[in-house]
Amino acid sequence: MVCAVTALAAGFLYWRAQPKILRKLGVMVIVGAVCLFAGLSRVNIYEIMFHPMGRPSFATVNDTKLDGGEMVMAVNLGGQARAYPIRIVSYHHIVNDVVGGLPIVATY
């Protein structure tokens, strides 16, 4: 916010002091770019890119559609086992789950 306000103030002062229209237009473009980039610096791009998987659903080994060479991330806690296929986790990057009564986060 400080960058945007400073750019606006400096642009206004430059605008008033400059007689040539092309320089005035140039400073408007630069001030606009500074304000845009100052606003974009507040955006967390990783929140936009990565969405947690949510509540995963599970099936028995015989009911899955995994081929023999499929890569999975496996977790075994408290007598419970889970396998998260890499091809699904690589899209979401984060899986929130409860295994063996413990909340876990699996990430790839």
N, C-alpha and C. Protein backbone atom coordinates (compact mmCIF):
# COMPACT_ATOMS: atom_id res chain seq x y z
N MET A 1 0.82 -1.18 0.00
CA MET A 1 0.00 0.00 0.00
C MET A 1 0.87 1.26 0.00
N VAL A 2 1.97 1.20 0.77
CA VAL A 2 2.89 2.34 0.83
C VAL A 2 3.49 2.61 -0.55
N CYS A 3 3.86 1.54 -1.27
CA CYS A 3 4.43 1.71 -2.62
C CYS A 3 3.42 2.38 -3.55
N ALA A 4 2.18 1.93 -3.50
CA ALA A 4 1.16 2.50 -4.38
C ALA A 4 0.91 3.97 -4.06
N VAL A 5 0.79 4.29 -2.78
CA VAL A 5 0.55 5.69 -2.40
C VAL A 5 1.74 6.56 -2.77
N THR A 6 2.96 6.06 -2.54
CA THR A 6 4.16 6.81 -2.90
C THR A 6 4.23 7.03 -4.40
N ALA A 7 3.93 5.99 -5.18
CA ALA A 7 3.95 6.11 -6.64
C ALA A 7 2.90 7.12 -7.11
N LEU A 8 1.72 7.08 -6.51
CA LEU A 8 0.68 8.04 -6.89
C LEU A 8 1.10 9.46 -6.57
N ALA A 9 1.68 9.67 -5.39
CA ALA A 9 2.11 11.02 -5.01
C ALA A 9 3.23 11.51 -5.92
N ALA A 10 4.22 10.66 -6.18
CA ALA A 10 5.33 11.06 -7.06
C ALA A 10 4.84 11.30 -8.48
N GLY A 11 3.92 10.44 -8.94
CA GLY A 11 3.36 10.62 -10.28
C GLY A 11 2.58 11.92 -10.40
N PHE A 12 1.83 12.27 -9.37
CA PHE A 12 1.08 13.53 -9.38
C PHE A 12 2.02 14.73 -9.43
N LEU A 13 3.06 14.69 -8.61
CA LEU A 13 4.02 15.80 -8.61
C LEU A 13 4.74 15.91 -9.95
N TYR A 14 5.12 14.76 -10.53
CA TYR A 14 5.79 14.77 -11.83
C TYR A 14 4.84 15.29 -12.91
N TRP A 15 3.59 14.86 -12.85
CA TRP A 15 2.58 15.28 -13.81
C TRP A 15 2.43 16.80 -13.83
N ARG A 16 2.37 17.41 -12.65
CA ARG A 16 2.20 18.86 -12.57
C ARG A 16 3.43 19.62 -13.05
N ALA A 17 4.62 19.03 -12.87
CA ALA A 17 5.85 19.73 -13.23
C ALA A 17 6.23 19.55 -14.70
N GLN A 18 5.68 18.55 -15.37
CA GLN A 18 6.09 18.19 -16.73
C GLN A 18 5.16 18.82 -17.76
N PRO A 19 5.68 19.59 -18.72
CA PRO A 19 4.82 20.20 -19.73
C PRO A 19 4.51 19.27 -20.91
N LYS A 20 5.34 18.26 -21.16
CA LYS A 20 5.16 17.41 -22.36
C LYS A 20 4.17 16.28 -22.07
N ILE A 21 3.23 16.10 -23.01
CA ILE A 21 2.16 15.12 -22.84
C ILE A 21 2.68 13.68 -22.87
N LEU A 22 3.69 13.38 -23.70
CA LEU A 22 4.20 12.01 -23.76
C LEU A 22 4.83 11.59 -22.44
N ARG A 23 5.50 12.49 -21.79
CA ARG A 23 6.09 12.17 -20.49
C ARG A 23 4.99 11.99 -19.44
N LYS A 24 3.93 12.76 -19.55
CA LYS A 24 2.80 12.61 -18.63
C LYS A 24 2.14 11.24 -18.82
N LEU A 25 1.97 10.84 -20.07
CA LEU A 25 1.39 9.51 -20.34
C LEU A 25 2.31 8.41 -19.84
N GLY A 26 3.62 8.60 -20.03
CA GLY A 26 4.59 7.61 -19.55
C GLY A 26 4.54 7.43 -18.05
N VAL A 27 4.44 8.52 -17.33
CA VAL A 27 4.38 8.43 -15.87
C VAL A 27 3.07 7.79 -15.43
N MET A 28 1.98 8.01 -16.18
CA MET A 28 0.72 7.34 -15.84
C MET A 28 0.85 5.83 -15.98
N VAL A 29 1.51 5.39 -17.04
CA VAL A 29 1.71 3.95 -17.24
C VAL A 29 2.57 3.36 -16.13
N ILE A 30 3.63 4.06 -15.76
CA ILE A 30 4.53 3.56 -14.72
C ILE A 30 3.82 3.53 -13.37
N VAL A 31 3.08 4.56 -13.04
CA VAL A 31 2.34 4.58 -11.77
C VAL A 31 1.30 3.46 -11.75
N GLY A 32 0.63 3.26 -12.87
CA GLY A 32 -0.33 2.16 -12.96
C GLY A 32 0.32 0.81 -12.75
N ALA A 33 1.51 0.61 -13.35
CA ALA A 33 2.23 -0.65 -13.19
C ALA A 33 2.66 -0.85 -11.74
N VAL A 34 3.15 0.20 -11.10
CA VAL A 34 3.56 0.10 -9.69
C VAL A 34 2.36 -0.28 -8.82
N CYS A 35 1.22 0.36 -9.04
CA CYS A 35 0.02 0.03 -8.26
C CYS A 35 -0.44 -1.40 -8.51
N LEU A 36 -0.38 -1.84 -9.77
CA LEU A 36 -0.76 -3.21 -10.10
C LEU A 36 0.15 -4.22 -9.41
N PHE A 37 1.45 -4.01 -9.51
CA PHE A 37 2.39 -4.96 -8.90
C PHE A 37 2.34 -4.91 -7.38
N ALA A 38 2.06 -3.74 -6.82
CA ALA A 38 1.90 -3.65 -5.36
C ALA A 38 0.68 -4.46 -4.91
N GLY A 39 -0.39 -4.40 -5.68
CA GLY A 39 -1.57 -5.22 -5.37
C GLY A 39 -1.32 -6.70 -5.55
N LEU A 40 -0.62 -7.05 -6.63
CA LEU A 40 -0.32 -8.47 -6.88
C LEU A 40 0.63 -9.06 -5.85
N SER A 41 1.44 -8.22 -5.21
CA SER A 41 2.36 -8.75 -4.20
C SER A 41 1.62 -9.26 -2.98
N ARG A 42 0.37 -8.89 -2.84
CA ARG A 42 -0.44 -9.35 -1.71
C ARG A 42 -1.15 -10.67 -2.00
N VAL A 43 -1.05 -11.18 -3.22
CA VAL A 43 -1.72 -12.41 -3.61
C VAL A 43 -0.79 -13.58 -3.35
N ASN A 44 -1.29 -14.59 -2.65
CA ASN A 44 -0.52 -15.81 -2.42
C ASN A 44 -0.85 -16.78 -3.55
N ILE A 45 0.05 -16.89 -4.51
CA ILE A 45 -0.19 -17.70 -5.70
C ILE A 45 -0.37 -19.18 -5.35
N TYR A 46 0.26 -19.63 -4.27
CA TYR A 46 0.16 -21.04 -3.90
C TYR A 46 -1.22 -21.39 -3.36
N GLU A 47 -1.93 -20.44 -2.78
CA GLU A 47 -3.31 -20.69 -2.38
C GLU A 47 -4.21 -20.90 -3.60
N ILE A 48 -3.89 -20.23 -4.67
CA ILE A 48 -4.67 -20.36 -5.90
C ILE A 48 -4.33 -21.67 -6.60
N MET A 49 -3.05 -22.03 -6.61
CA MET A 49 -2.60 -23.21 -7.36
C MET A 49 -2.94 -24.53 -6.68
N PHE A 50 -2.78 -24.62 -5.36
CA PHE A 50 -2.90 -25.89 -4.67
C PHE A 50 -4.15 -25.92 -3.81
N HIS A 51 -5.02 -26.88 -4.08
CA HIS A 51 -6.23 -27.06 -3.31
C HIS A 51 -6.16 -28.41 -2.60
N PRO A 52 -6.36 -28.45 -1.28
CA PRO A 52 -6.34 -29.74 -0.60
C PRO A 52 -7.39 -30.68 -1.18
N MET A 53 -7.10 -31.93 -1.10
CA MET A 53 -7.97 -32.95 -1.67
C MET A 53 -9.28 -33.07 -0.92
N GLY A 54 -9.30 -32.70 0.35
CA GLY A 54 -10.53 -32.86 1.14
C GLY A 54 -10.60 -34.25 1.73
N ARG A 55 -11.81 -34.76 1.90
CA ARG A 55 -12.00 -36.10 2.47
C ARG A 55 -11.78 -37.15 1.39
N PRO A 56 -10.67 -37.87 1.44
CA PRO A 56 -10.45 -38.90 0.42
C PRO A 56 -11.36 -40.10 0.64
N SER A 57 -11.69 -40.78 -0.43
CA SER A 57 -12.46 -42.02 -0.32
C SER A 57 -11.52 -43.19 -0.57
N PHE A 58 -11.81 -44.30 0.05
CA PHE A 58 -10.92 -45.46 -0.02
C PHE A 58 -11.67 -46.69 -0.47
N ALA A 59 -10.94 -47.60 -1.08
CA ALA A 59 -11.50 -48.87 -1.54
C ALA A 59 -10.51 -49.97 -1.19
N THR A 60 -11.00 -51.20 -1.21
CA THR A 60 -10.10 -52.32 -0.96
C THR A 60 -9.19 -52.51 -2.16
N VAL A 61 -8.14 -53.28 -1.97
CA VAL A 61 -7.17 -53.48 -3.05
C VAL A 61 -7.83 -54.10 -4.27
N ASN A 62 -8.74 -55.02 -4.08
CA ASN A 62 -9.40 -55.69 -5.21
C ASN A 62 -10.33 -54.76 -5.98
N ASP A 63 -10.84 -53.72 -5.31
CA ASP A 63 -11.79 -52.82 -5.95
C ASP A 63 -11.14 -51.60 -6.60
N THR A 64 -9.83 -51.47 -6.50
CA THR A 64 -9.17 -50.29 -7.06
C THR A 64 -8.91 -50.47 -8.55
N LYS A 65 -8.66 -49.36 -9.21
CA LYS A 65 -8.34 -49.37 -10.64
C LYS A 65 -6.88 -49.04 -10.87
N LEU A 66 -6.04 -49.38 -9.90
CA LEU A 66 -4.61 -49.11 -10.02
C LEU A 66 -3.95 -50.24 -10.81
N ASP A 67 -3.01 -49.86 -11.67
CA ASP A 67 -2.26 -50.91 -12.35
C ASP A 67 -1.09 -51.34 -11.47
N GLY A 68 -0.41 -52.39 -11.85
CA GLY A 68 0.67 -52.95 -11.04
C GLY A 68 1.85 -52.02 -10.84
N GLY A 69 2.09 -51.09 -11.75
CA GLY A 69 3.23 -50.20 -11.66
C GLY A 69 2.90 -48.83 -11.10
N GLU A 70 1.68 -48.65 -10.60
CA GLU A 70 1.26 -47.34 -10.09
C GLU A 70 2.03 -46.99 -8.82
N MET A 71 2.54 -45.75 -8.78
CA MET A 71 3.26 -45.28 -7.60
C MET A 71 2.26 -44.71 -6.59
N VAL A 72 2.45 -45.06 -5.32
CA VAL A 72 1.59 -44.57 -4.26
C VAL A 72 2.43 -44.10 -3.08
N MET A 73 1.85 -43.23 -2.27
CA MET A 73 2.43 -42.89 -0.97
C MET A 73 1.66 -43.70 0.05
N ALA A 74 2.36 -44.44 0.87
CA ALA A 74 1.72 -45.32 1.84
C ALA A 74 1.96 -44.82 3.26
N VAL A 75 0.91 -44.93 4.08
CA VAL A 75 0.97 -44.55 5.48
C VAL A 75 0.37 -45.69 6.29
N ASN A 76 1.04 -46.05 7.38
CA ASN A 76 0.54 -47.09 8.27
C ASN A 76 0.68 -46.58 9.70
N LEU A 77 -0.46 -46.25 10.32
CA LEU A 77 -0.47 -45.73 11.69
C LEU A 77 -1.57 -46.40 12.49
N GLY A 78 -1.26 -46.81 13.68
CA GLY A 78 -2.28 -47.36 14.58
C GLY A 78 -3.04 -48.53 14.01
N GLY A 79 -2.39 -49.34 13.20
CA GLY A 79 -3.05 -50.51 12.61
C GLY A 79 -3.87 -50.21 11.37
N GLN A 80 -3.92 -48.98 10.95
CA GLN A 80 -4.62 -48.63 9.71
C GLN A 80 -3.61 -48.26 8.65
N ALA A 81 -3.89 -48.66 7.43
CA ALA A 81 -2.99 -48.36 6.32
C ALA A 81 -3.76 -47.60 5.24
N ARG A 82 -3.08 -46.65 4.63
CA ARG A 82 -3.65 -45.89 3.52
C ARG A 82 -2.61 -45.81 2.41
N ALA A 83 -3.10 -45.74 1.18
CA ALA A 83 -2.22 -45.53 0.03
C ALA A 83 -2.85 -44.43 -0.82
N TYR A 84 -2.05 -43.43 -1.12
CA TYR A 84 -2.51 -42.29 -1.92
C TYR A 84 -1.79 -42.34 -3.26
N PRO A 85 -2.53 -42.54 -4.37
CA PRO A 85 -1.88 -42.59 -5.69
C PRO A 85 -1.21 -41.26 -6.05
N ILE A 86 0.00 -41.33 -6.52
CA ILE A 86 0.77 -40.14 -6.87
C ILE A 86 0.07 -39.33 -7.97
N ARG A 87 -0.55 -40.01 -8.93
CA ARG A 87 -1.19 -39.28 -10.04
C ARG A 87 -2.33 -38.40 -9.55
N ILE A 88 -2.98 -38.76 -8.44
CA ILE A 88 -4.06 -37.93 -7.88
C ILE A 88 -3.47 -36.87 -6.96
N VAL A 89 -2.52 -37.27 -6.11
CA VAL A 89 -1.94 -36.32 -5.15
C VAL A 89 -1.13 -35.25 -5.87
N SER A 90 -0.54 -35.57 -7.01
CA SER A 90 0.27 -34.57 -7.72
C SER A 90 -0.58 -33.41 -8.23
N TYR A 91 -1.86 -33.61 -8.41
CA TYR A 91 -2.75 -32.51 -8.80
C TYR A 91 -3.09 -31.64 -7.59
N HIS A 92 -3.47 -32.27 -6.48
CA HIS A 92 -3.90 -31.53 -5.30
C HIS A 92 -2.71 -31.09 -4.43
N HIS A 93 -1.66 -31.87 -4.41
CA HIS A 93 -0.45 -31.63 -3.63
C HIS A 93 -0.63 -31.83 -2.13
N ILE A 94 -1.85 -31.83 -1.63
CA ILE A 94 -2.09 -31.95 -0.20
C ILE A 94 -3.29 -32.87 0.01
N VAL A 95 -3.16 -33.83 0.95
CA VAL A 95 -4.27 -34.69 1.35
C VAL A 95 -4.40 -34.59 2.86
N ASN A 96 -5.55 -34.17 3.34
CA ASN A 96 -5.84 -34.16 4.77
C ASN A 96 -6.61 -35.44 5.09
N ASP A 97 -6.17 -36.18 6.09
CA ASP A 97 -6.80 -37.46 6.40
C ASP A 97 -6.61 -37.76 7.88
N VAL A 98 -7.33 -38.75 8.36
CA VAL A 98 -7.16 -39.28 9.72
C VAL A 98 -6.82 -40.75 9.57
N VAL A 99 -5.65 -41.15 10.06
CA VAL A 99 -5.19 -42.53 9.96
C VAL A 99 -4.85 -43.01 11.37
N GLY A 100 -5.49 -44.10 11.78
CA GLY A 100 -5.24 -44.62 13.12
C GLY A 100 -5.60 -43.65 14.22
N GLY A 101 -6.59 -42.80 13.98
CA GLY A 101 -7.01 -41.83 14.97
C GLY A 101 -6.18 -40.56 15.03
N LEU A 102 -5.15 -40.45 14.18
CA LEU A 102 -4.29 -39.28 14.15
C LEU A 102 -4.53 -38.48 12.86
N PRO A 103 -4.75 -37.19 12.97
CA PRO A 103 -4.87 -36.39 11.76
C PRO A 103 -3.49 -36.26 11.10
N ILE A 104 -3.46 -36.44 9.78
CA ILE A 104 -2.20 -36.33 9.04
C ILE A 104 -2.38 -35.43 7.82
N VAL A 105 -1.28 -34.97 7.30
CA VAL A 105 -1.24 -34.26 6.04
C VAL A 105 -0.22 -34.97 5.18
N ALA A 106 -0.67 -35.50 4.06
CA ALA A 106 0.23 -36.13 3.10
C ALA A 106 0.43 -35.15 1.95
N THR A 107 1.66 -34.91 1.58
CA THR A 107 1.93 -33.96 0.52
C THR A 107 2.96 -34.52 -0.45
N TYR A 108 2.86 -34.08 -1.70
CA TYR A 108 3.77 -34.52 -2.76
C TYR A 108 4.12 -33.34 -3.60
